Amino acid sequence: RTTPMRLLVGGWVLAAVLLIAGLVLVLTG
C-alpha cells in the first residue's frame, strides 16, 4: 500500500546503509 517510487527510494536508503556498514566493517578490520 505504497507508491512504486517510495518503495524504490526505500530500497536506495537500505542499499546506502548496507554499503556504509560494509565499508566501515572492512576498513576498521
PDB file of all heavy atoms in Angstrom:
ATOM      1  N   ARG A   1       0.818  -1.216   0.000  1.00  0.00           N
ATOM      2  CA  ARG A   1       0.000   0.000   0.000  1.00  0.00           C
ATOM      3  C   ARG A   1       0.851   1.265   0.000  1.00  0.00           C
ATOM      4  O   ARG A   1       0.692   2.152   0.839  1.00  0.00           O
ATOM      5  CB  ARG A   1      -0.953  -0.013   1.193  1.00  0.00           C
ATOM      6  CG  ARG A   1      -2.004  -1.083   1.085  1.00  0.00           C
ATOM      7  CD  ARG A   1      -3.063  -0.935   2.141  1.00  0.00           C
ATOM      8  NE  ARG A   1      -4.141  -1.864   1.910  1.00  0.00           N
ATOM      9  CZ  ARG A   1      -4.247  -3.038   2.514  1.00  0.00           C
ATOM     10  NH1 ARG A   1      -3.334  -3.431   3.363  1.00  0.00           N
ATOM     11  NH2 ARG A   1      -5.271  -3.826   2.254  1.00  0.00           N
ATOM     12  N   THR A   2       1.772   1.328  -0.937  1.00  0.00           N
ATOM     13  CA  THR A   2       2.613   2.500  -1.127  1.00  0.00           C
ATOM     14  C   THR A   2       2.814   2.719  -2.621  1.00  0.00           C
ATOM     15  O   THR A   2       2.311   1.928  -3.427  1.00  0.00           O
ATOM     16  CB  THR A   2       3.964   2.338  -0.397  1.00  0.00           C
ATOM     17  OG1 THR A   2       4.682   3.560  -0.488  1.00  0.00           O
ATOM     18  CG2 THR A   2       4.785   1.213  -0.962  1.00  0.00           C
ATOM     19  N   THR A   3       3.514   3.755  -2.985  1.00  0.00           N
ATOM     20  CA  THR A   3       3.784   4.003  -4.400  1.00  0.00           C
ATOM     21  C   THR A   3       5.084   3.316  -4.799  1.00  0.00           C
ATOM     22  O   THR A   3       5.959   3.097  -3.950  1.00  0.00           O
ATOM     23  CB  THR A   3       3.910   5.510  -4.672  1.00  0.00           C
ATOM     24  OG1 THR A   3       5.033   6.025  -3.955  1.00  0.00           O
ATOM     25  CG2 THR A   3       2.645   6.251  -4.261  1.00  0.00           C
ATOM     26  N   PRO A   4       5.227   2.976  -6.063  1.00  0.00           N
ATOM     27  CA  PRO A   4       6.474   2.353  -6.507  1.00  0.00           C
ATOM     28  C   PRO A   4       7.699   3.236  -6.264  1.00  0.00           C
ATOM     29  O   PRO A   4       8.768   2.750  -5.917  1.00  0.00           O
ATOM     30  CB  PRO A   4       6.256   2.117  -8.004  1.00  0.00           C
ATOM     31  CG  PRO A   4       4.787   2.046  -8.175  1.00  0.00           C
ATOM     32  CD  PRO A   4       4.228   2.966  -7.145  1.00  0.00           C
ATOM     33  N   MET A   5       7.539   4.557  -6.409  1.00  0.00           N
ATOM     34  CA  MET A   5       8.672   5.454  -6.205  1.00  0.00           C
ATOM     35  C   MET A   5       9.125   5.442  -4.752  1.00  0.00           C
ATOM     36  O   MET A   5      10.321   5.431  -4.462  1.00  0.00           O
ATOM     37  CB  MET A   5       8.297   6.874  -6.637  1.00  0.00           C
ATOM     38  CG  MET A   5       9.466   7.813  -6.682  1.00  0.00           C
ATOM     39  SD  MET A   5      10.770   7.293  -7.811  1.00  0.00           S
ATOM     40  CE  MET A   5      10.017   7.641  -9.371  1.00  0.00           C
ATOM     41  N   ARG A   6       8.186   5.431  -3.817  1.00  0.00           N
ATOM     42  CA  ARG A   6       8.551   5.354  -2.395  1.00  0.00           C
ATOM     43  C   ARG A   6       9.259   4.045  -2.092  1.00  0.00           C
ATOM     44  O   ARG A   6      10.205   4.007  -1.297  1.00  0.00           O
ATOM     45  CB  ARG A   6       7.316   5.471  -1.515  1.00  0.00           C
ATOM     46  CG  ARG A   6       6.871   6.860  -1.302  1.00  0.00           C
ATOM     47  CD  ARG A   6       5.824   6.913  -0.223  1.00  0.00           C
ATOM     48  NE  ARG A   6       5.312   8.268  -0.137  1.00  0.00           N
ATOM     49  CZ  ARG A   6       4.197   8.577   0.459  1.00  0.00           C
ATOM     50  NH1 ARG A   6       3.462   7.650   1.017  1.00  0.00           N
ATOM     51  NH2 ARG A   6       3.804   9.825   0.501  1.00  0.00           N
ATOM     52  N   LEU A   7       8.804   2.977  -2.689  1.00  0.00           N
ATOM     53  CA  LEU A   7       9.436   1.684  -2.486  1.00  0.00           C
ATOM     54  C   LEU A   7      10.868   1.694  -3.002  1.00  0.00           C
ATOM     55  O   LEU A   7      11.781   1.187  -2.341  1.00  0.00           O
ATOM     56  CB  LEU A   7       8.623   0.595  -3.194  1.00  0.00           C
ATOM     57  CG  LEU A   7       9.012  -0.845  -2.935  1.00  0.00           C
ATOM     58  CD1 LEU A   7       8.801  -1.200  -1.478  1.00  0.00           C
ATOM     59  CD2 LEU A   7       8.211  -1.765  -3.816  1.00  0.00           C
ATOM     60  N   LEU A   8      11.084   2.300  -4.157  1.00  0.00           N
ATOM     61  CA  LEU A   8      12.431   2.366  -4.721  1.00  0.00           C
ATOM     62  C   LEU A   8      13.346   3.271  -3.898  1.00  0.00           C
ATOM     63  O   LEU A   8      14.523   2.956  -3.702  1.00  0.00           O
ATOM     64  CB  LEU A   8      12.363   2.840  -6.173  1.00  0.00           C
ATOM     65  CG  LEU A   8      11.727   1.835  -7.134  1.00  0.00           C
ATOM     66  CD1 LEU A   8      11.517   2.476  -8.500  1.00  0.00           C
ATOM     67  CD2 LEU A   8      12.553   0.587  -7.250  1.00  0.00           C
ATOM     68  N   VAL A   9      12.826   4.374  -3.400  1.00  0.00           N
ATOM     69  CA  VAL A   9      13.626   5.247  -2.541  1.00  0.00           C
ATOM     70  C   VAL A   9      13.995   4.511  -1.256  1.00  0.00           C
ATOM     71  O   VAL A   9      15.125   4.615  -0.769  1.00  0.00           O
ATOM     72  CB  VAL A   9      12.880   6.569  -2.257  1.00  0.00           C
ATOM     73  CG1 VAL A   9      13.566   7.355  -1.152  1.00  0.00           C
ATOM     74  CG2 VAL A   9      12.787   7.401  -3.518  1.00  0.00           C
ATOM     75  N   GLY A  10      13.058   3.765  -0.708  1.00  0.00           N
ATOM     76  CA  GLY A  10      13.366   2.947   0.471  1.00  0.00           C
ATOM     77  C   GLY A  10      14.442   1.919   0.176  1.00  0.00           C
ATOM     78  O   GLY A  10      15.310   1.651   1.020  1.00  0.00           O
ATOM     79  N   GLY A  11      14.417   1.353  -1.016  1.00  0.00           N
ATOM     80  CA  GLY A  11      15.458   0.406  -1.416  1.00  0.00           C
ATOM     81  C   GLY A  11      16.820   1.076  -1.520  1.00  0.00           C
ATOM     82  O   GLY A  11      17.843   0.504  -1.147  1.00  0.00           O
ATOM     83  N   TRP A  12      16.838   2.306  -2.022  1.00  0.00           N
ATOM     84  CA  TRP A  12      18.092   3.042  -2.109  1.00  0.00           C
ATOM     85  C   TRP A  12      18.639   3.372  -0.717  1.00  0.00           C
ATOM     86  O   TRP A  12      19.833   3.312  -0.491  1.00  0.00           O
ATOM     87  CB  TRP A  12      17.915   4.318  -2.909  1.00  0.00           C
ATOM     88  CG  TRP A  12      18.418   4.213  -4.307  1.00  0.00           C
ATOM     89  CD1 TRP A  12      19.424   3.415  -4.758  1.00  0.00           C
ATOM     90  CD2 TRP A  12      17.948   4.919  -5.438  1.00  0.00           C
ATOM     91  NE1 TRP A  12      19.598   3.583  -6.106  1.00  0.00           N
ATOM     92  CE2 TRP A  12      18.702   4.507  -6.550  1.00  0.00           C
ATOM     93  CE3 TRP A  12      16.947   5.863  -5.607  1.00  0.00           C
ATOM     94  CZ2 TRP A  12      18.490   5.018  -7.811  1.00  0.00           C
ATOM     95  CZ3 TRP A  12      16.752   6.360  -6.877  1.00  0.00           C
ATOM     96  CH2 TRP A  12      17.512   5.938  -7.971  1.00  0.00           C
ATOM     97  N   VAL A  13      17.752   3.720   0.207  1.00  0.00           N
ATOM     98  CA  VAL A  13      18.188   4.001   1.578  1.00  0.00           C
ATOM     99  C   VAL A  13      18.772   2.743   2.209  1.00  0.00           C
ATOM    100  O   VAL A  13      19.839   2.789   2.840  1.00  0.00           O
ATOM    101  CB  VAL A  13      17.010   4.555   2.412  1.00  0.00           C
ATOM    102  CG1 VAL A  13      17.355   4.601   3.884  1.00  0.00           C
ATOM    103  CG2 VAL A  13      16.615   5.931   1.910  1.00  0.00           C
ATOM    104  N   LEU A  14      18.106   1.623   2.024  1.00  0.00           N
ATOM    105  CA  LEU A  14      18.616   0.352   2.554  1.00  0.00           C
ATOM    106  C   LEU A  14      19.966   0.011   1.930  1.00  0.00           C
ATOM    107  O   LEU A  14      20.893  -0.429   2.628  1.00  0.00           O
ATOM    108  CB  LEU A  14      17.610  -0.767   2.293  1.00  0.00           C
ATOM    109  CG  LEU A  14      18.009  -2.166   2.744  1.00  0.00           C
ATOM    110  CD1 LEU A  14      18.227  -2.195   4.247  1.00  0.00           C
ATOM    111  CD2 LEU A  14      16.974  -3.172   2.324  1.00  0.00           C
ATOM    112  N   ALA A  15      20.098   0.229   0.640  1.00  0.00           N
ATOM    113  CA  ALA A  15      21.368  -0.047  -0.039  1.00  0.00           C
ATOM    114  C   ALA A  15      22.478   0.848   0.499  1.00  0.00           C
ATOM    115  O   ALA A  15      23.610   0.394   0.705  1.00  0.00           O
ATOM    116  CB  ALA A  15      21.209   0.149  -1.547  1.00  0.00           C
ATOM    117  N   ALA A  16      22.164   2.118   0.753  1.00  0.00           N
ATOM    118  CA  ALA A  16      23.171   3.032   1.290  1.00  0.00           C
ATOM    119  C   ALA A  16      23.628   2.601   2.672  1.00  0.00           C
ATOM    120  O   ALA A  16      24.822   2.637   2.982  1.00  0.00           O
ATOM    121  CB  ALA A  16      22.610   4.451   1.334  1.00  0.00           C
ATOM    122  N   VAL A  17      22.697   2.166   3.497  1.00  0.00           N
ATOM    123  CA  VAL A  17      23.052   1.689   4.837  1.00  0.00           C
ATOM    124  C   VAL A  17      23.944   0.453   4.741  1.00  0.00           C
ATOM    125  O   VAL A  17      24.949   0.344   5.457  1.00  0.00           O
ATOM    126  CB  VAL A  17      21.781   1.399   5.660  1.00  0.00           C
ATOM    127  CG1 VAL A  17      22.102   0.645   6.940  1.00  0.00           C
ATOM    128  CG2 VAL A  17      21.048   2.695   5.978  1.00  0.00           C
ATOM    129  N   LEU A  18      23.608  -0.470   3.854  1.00  0.00           N
ATOM    130  CA  LEU A  18      24.429  -1.671   3.689  1.00  0.00           C
ATOM    131  C   LEU A  18      25.824  -1.332   3.170  1.00  0.00           C
ATOM    132  O   LEU A  18      26.822  -1.903   3.633  1.00  0.00           O
ATOM    133  CB  LEU A  18      23.746  -2.659   2.745  1.00  0.00           C
ATOM    134  CG  LEU A  18      22.503  -3.351   3.282  1.00  0.00           C
ATOM    135  CD1 LEU A  18      21.838  -4.162   2.181  1.00  0.00           C
ATOM    136  CD2 LEU A  18      22.844  -4.226   4.459  1.00  0.00           C
ATOM    137  N   LEU A  19      25.904  -0.410   2.220  1.00  0.00           N
ATOM    138  CA  LEU A  19      27.201  -0.011   1.685  1.00  0.00           C
ATOM    139  C   LEU A  19      28.078   0.628   2.764  1.00  0.00           C
ATOM    140  O   LEU A  19      29.258   0.287   2.904  1.00  0.00           O
ATOM    141  CB  LEU A  19      27.014   0.971   0.522  1.00  0.00           C
ATOM    142  CG  LEU A  19      26.508   0.372  -0.790  1.00  0.00           C
ATOM    143  CD1 LEU A  19      26.103   1.489  -1.743  1.00  0.00           C
ATOM    144  CD2 LEU A  19      27.565  -0.497  -1.414  1.00  0.00           C
ATOM    145  N   ILE A  20      27.508   1.522   3.536  1.00  0.00           N
ATOM    146  CA  ILE A  20      28.286   2.205   4.578  1.00  0.00           C
ATOM    147  C   ILE A  20      28.683   1.228   5.679  1.00  0.00           C
ATOM    148  O   ILE A  20      29.834   1.238   6.138  1.00  0.00           O
ATOM    149  CB  ILE A  20      27.493   3.404   5.127  1.00  0.00           C
ATOM    150  CG1 ILE A  20      27.388   4.490   4.056  1.00  0.00           C
ATOM    151  CG2 ILE A  20      28.143   3.961   6.388  1.00  0.00           C
ATOM    152  CD1 ILE A  20      26.453   5.608   4.393  1.00  0.00           C
ATOM    153  N   ALA A  21      27.753   0.387   6.113  1.00  0.00           N
ATOM    154  CA  ALA A  21      28.076  -0.584   7.162  1.00  0.00           C
ATOM    155  C   ALA A  21      29.159  -1.544   6.693  1.00  0.00           C
ATOM    156  O   ALA A  21      30.096  -1.857   7.444  1.00  0.00           O
ATOM    157  CB  ALA A  21      26.819  -1.354   7.569  1.00  0.00           C
ATOM    158  N   GLY A  22      29.057  -2.013   5.467  1.00  0.00           N
ATOM    159  CA  GLY A  22      30.074  -2.904   4.934  1.00  0.00           C
ATOM    160  C   GLY A  22      31.426  -2.244   4.836  1.00  0.00           C
ATOM    161  O   GLY A  22      32.453  -2.829   5.189  1.00  0.00           O
ATOM    162  N   LEU A  23      31.438  -1.003   4.393  1.00  0.00           N
ATOM    163  CA  LEU A  23      32.689  -0.268   4.277  1.00  0.00           C
ATOM    164  C   LEU A  23      33.331  -0.037   5.641  1.00  0.00           C
ATOM    165  O   LEU A  23      34.544  -0.208   5.808  1.00  0.00           O
ATOM    166  CB  LEU A  23      32.428   1.063   3.574  1.00  0.00           C
ATOM    167  CG  LEU A  23      33.632   1.818   3.056  1.00  0.00           C
ATOM    168  CD1 LEU A  23      34.388   0.967   2.039  1.00  0.00           C
ATOM    169  CD2 LEU A  23      33.201   3.125   2.431  1.00  0.00           C
ATOM    170  N   VAL A  24      32.522   0.299   6.627  1.00  0.00           N
ATOM    171  CA  VAL A  24      33.045   0.515   7.980  1.00  0.00           C
ATOM    172  C   VAL A  24      33.626  -0.775   8.544  1.00  0.00           C
ATOM    173  O   VAL A  24      34.713  -0.771   9.137  1.00  0.00           O
ATOM    174  CB  VAL A  24      31.936   1.084   8.903  1.00  0.00           C
ATOM    175  CG1 VAL A  24      32.332   0.994  10.363  1.00  0.00           C
ATOM    176  CG2 VAL A  24      31.618   2.517   8.519  1.00  0.00           C
ATOM    177  N   LEU A  25      32.924  -1.880   8.364  1.00  0.00           N
ATOM    178  CA  LEU A  25      33.421  -3.156   8.885  1.00  0.00           C
ATOM    179  C   LEU A  25      34.723  -3.575   8.214  1.00  0.00           C
ATOM    180  O   LEU A  25      35.610  -4.142   8.858  1.00  0.00           O
ATOM    181  CB  LEU A  25      32.365  -4.247   8.719  1.00  0.00           C
ATOM    182  CG  LEU A  25      31.165  -4.144   9.659  1.00  0.00           C
ATOM    183  CD1 LEU A  25      30.113  -5.180   9.271  1.00  0.00           C
ATOM    184  CD2 LEU A  25      31.577  -4.319  11.103  1.00  0.00           C
ATOM    185  N   VAL A  26      34.838  -3.323   6.931  1.00  0.00           N
ATOM    186  CA  VAL A  26      36.071  -3.688   6.222  1.00  0.00           C
ATOM    187  C   VAL A  26      37.225  -2.776   6.628  1.00  0.00           C
ATOM    188  O   VAL A  26      38.331  -3.238   6.910  1.00  0.00           O
ATOM    189  CB  VAL A  26      35.854  -3.642   4.691  1.00  0.00           C
ATOM    190  CG1 VAL A  26      37.169  -3.731   3.956  1.00  0.00           C
ATOM    191  CG2 VAL A  26      34.935  -4.780   4.263  1.00  0.00           C
ATOM    192  N   LEU A  27      36.985  -1.474   6.669  1.00  0.00           N
ATOM    193  CA  LEU A  27      38.061  -0.531   6.949  1.00  0.00           C
ATOM    194  C   LEU A  27      38.537  -0.579   8.402  1.00  0.00           C
ATOM    195  O   LEU A  27      39.709  -0.326   8.667  1.00  0.00           O
ATOM    196  CB  LEU A  27      37.640   0.888   6.584  1.00  0.00           C
ATOM    197  CG  LEU A  27      37.451   1.141   5.086  1.00  0.00           C
ATOM    198  CD1 LEU A  27      37.010   2.571   4.840  1.00  0.00           C
ATOM    199  CD2 LEU A  27      38.724   0.830   4.315  1.00  0.00           C
ATOM    200  N   THR A  28      37.650  -0.887   9.331  1.00  0.00           N
ATOM    201  CA  THR A  28      38.073  -0.996  10.730  1.00  0.00           C
ATOM    202  C   THR A  28      38.738  -2.324  11.018  1.00  0.00           C
ATOM    203  O   THR A  28      39.441  -2.457  12.008  1.00  0.00           O
ATOM    204  CB  THR A  28      36.892  -0.804  11.688  1.00  0.00           C
ATOM    205  OG1 THR A  28      35.904  -1.799  11.426  1.00  0.00           O
ATOM    206  CG2 THR A  28      36.302   0.580  11.558  1.00  0.00           C
ATOM    207  N   GLY A  29      38.498  -3.301  10.170  1.00  0.00           N
ATOM    208  CA  GLY A  29      39.113  -4.615  10.349  1.00  0.00           C
ATOM    209  C   GLY A  29      38.437  -5.477  11.395  1.00  0.00           C
ATOM    210  O   GLY A  29      38.946  -6.540  11.747  1.00  0.00           O
TER     211      GLY A  29
END
